[in-house]
């Protein structure tokens, strides 16, 4: 799968289907601090991503 990180760099990962939460933890991201799009659609942490997906990780900006 192609993974687009918050800094716009790309990473390739080939693996069996995995949940978004597991993928984020493997990449060192806290799921509370980011949102994830799979093939252009926002998905939840329990969504399963597969080898042919394009994953974009977007950092959430906190403010107040």
C-alpha atoms as a PDB file:
ATOM      1  CA  UNK A   1       0.000   0.000   0.000  1.00  0.00           C
ATOM      2  CA  UNK A   2       1.054   3.581  -0.524  1.00  0.00           C
ATOM      3  CA  UNK A   3       1.084   5.656   2.660  1.00  0.00           C
ATOM      4  CA  UNK A   4       1.194   9.456   2.503  1.00  0.00           C
ATOM      5  CA  UNK A   5       2.504  10.822   5.794  1.00  0.00           C
ATOM      6  CA  UNK A   6       1.537  14.179   7.347  1.00  0.00           C
ATOM      7  CA  UNK A   7       4.774  15.777   6.070  1.00  0.00           C
ATOM      8  CA  UNK A   8       3.709  14.785   2.488  1.00  0.00           C
ATOM      9  CA  UNK A   9       6.423  12.134   2.182  1.00  0.00           C
ATOM     10  CA  UNK A  10       5.399   8.705   0.903  1.00  0.00           C
ATOM     11  CA  UNK A  11       6.120   5.240   2.141  1.00  0.00           C
ATOM     12  CA  UNK A  12       5.350   1.902   0.532  1.00  0.00           C
ATOM     13  CA  UNK A  13       4.177  -0.945   2.702  1.00  0.00           C
ATOM     14  CA  UNK A  14       3.252  -4.372   1.481  1.00  0.00           C
ATOM     15  CA  UNK A  15       1.411  -6.472   3.963  1.00  0.00           C
ATOM     16  CA  UNK A  16      -1.628  -8.509   4.730  1.00  0.00           C
ATOM     17  CA  UNK A  17      -4.842  -6.632   5.521  1.00  0.00           C
ATOM     18  CA  UNK A  18      -4.498  -4.685   8.760  1.00  0.00           C
ATOM     19  CA  UNK A  19      -6.670  -2.297  10.761  1.00  0.00           C
ATOM     20  CA  UNK A  20      -6.006   1.425  10.583  1.00  0.00           C
ATOM     21  CA  UNK A  21      -5.250   1.435  14.310  1.00  0.00           C
ATOM     22  CA  UNK A  22      -2.583  -1.273  13.953  1.00  0.00           C
ATOM     23  CA  UNK A  23      -1.046   0.487  10.949  1.00  0.00           C
ATOM     24  CA  UNK A  24      -0.849   3.783  12.840  1.00  0.00           C
ATOM     25  CA  UNK A  25       0.770   2.151  15.850  1.00  0.00           C
ATOM     26  CA  UNK A  26       3.303   0.368  13.595  1.00  0.00           C
ATOM     27  CA  UNK A  27       4.188   3.750  12.053  1.00  0.00           C
ATOM     28  CA  UNK A  28       4.504   5.410  15.469  1.00  0.00           C
ATOM     29  CA  UNK A  29       1.358   7.572  15.321  1.00  0.00           C
ATOM     30  CA  UNK A  30      -1.124   7.985  18.149  1.00  0.00           C
ATOM     31  CA  UNK A  31      -4.587   7.382  16.626  1.00  0.00           C
ATOM     32  CA  UNK A  32      -5.970  10.244  18.730  1.00  0.00           C
ATOM     33  CA  UNK A  33      -3.698  12.761  16.986  1.00  0.00           C
ATOM     34  CA  UNK A  34      -4.472  11.911  13.336  1.00  0.00           C
ATOM     35  CA  UNK A  35      -7.269  11.079  10.922  1.00  0.00           C
ATOM     36  CA  UNK A  36      -6.888   8.643   8.059  1.00  0.00           C
ATOM     37  CA  UNK A  37      -8.249   8.588   4.523  1.00  0.00           C
ATOM     38  CA  UNK A  38      -8.327   5.369   2.501  1.00  0.00           C
ATOM     39  CA  UNK A  39      -8.573   5.977  -1.251  1.00  0.00           C
ATOM     40  CA  UNK A  40      -9.873   9.509  -0.594  1.00  0.00           C
ATOM     41  CA  UNK A  41     -12.521   8.607   2.006  1.00  0.00           C
ATOM     42  CA  UNK A  42     -12.127   9.140   5.755  1.00  0.00           C
ATOM     43  CA  UNK A  43     -12.129   5.884   7.718  1.00  0.00           C
ATOM     44  CA  UNK A  44     -12.288   4.896  11.373  1.00  0.00           C
ATOM     45  CA  UNK A  45      -9.610   3.098  13.371  1.00  0.00           C
ATOM     46  CA  UNK A  46     -11.316  -0.270  12.956  1.00  0.00           C
ATOM     47  CA  UNK A  47     -11.385  -0.059   9.142  1.00  0.00           C
ATOM     48  CA  UNK A  48      -9.243  -2.622   7.352  1.00  0.00           C
ATOM     49  CA  UNK A  49      -6.687  -1.425   4.805  1.00  0.00           C
ATOM     50  CA  UNK A  50      -5.225  -3.658   2.139  1.00  0.00           C
ATOM     51  CA  UNK A  51      -2.183  -3.825  -0.108  1.00  0.00           C
ATOM     52  CA  UNK A  52      -3.725  -1.916  -3.042  1.00  0.00           C
ATOM     53  CA  UNK A  53      -5.048   1.023  -0.950  1.00  0.00           C
ATOM     54  CA  UNK A  54      -3.692   4.563  -0.844  1.00  0.00           C
ATOM     55  CA  UNK A  55      -3.603   5.756   2.767  1.00  0.00           C
ATOM     56  CA  UNK A  56      -3.260   9.412   3.755  1.00  0.00           C
ATOM     57  CA  UNK A  57      -2.475  10.268   7.361  1.00  0.00           C
ATOM     58  CA  UNK A  58      -3.557  13.773   8.361  1.00  0.00           C
ATOM     59  CA  UNK A  59      -2.407  15.370  11.600  1.00  0.00           C
ATOM     60  CA  UNK A  60      -5.169  17.042  13.616  1.00  0.00           C
ATOM     61  CA  UNK A  61      -4.448  20.637  14.655  1.00  0.00           C
ATOM     62  CA  UNK A  62      -5.595  21.306  18.202  1.00  0.00           C
ATOM     63  CA  UNK A  63      -6.428  24.801  19.310  1.00  0.00           C
ATOM     64  CA  UNK A  64      -8.592  26.699  21.631  1.00  0.00           C
END
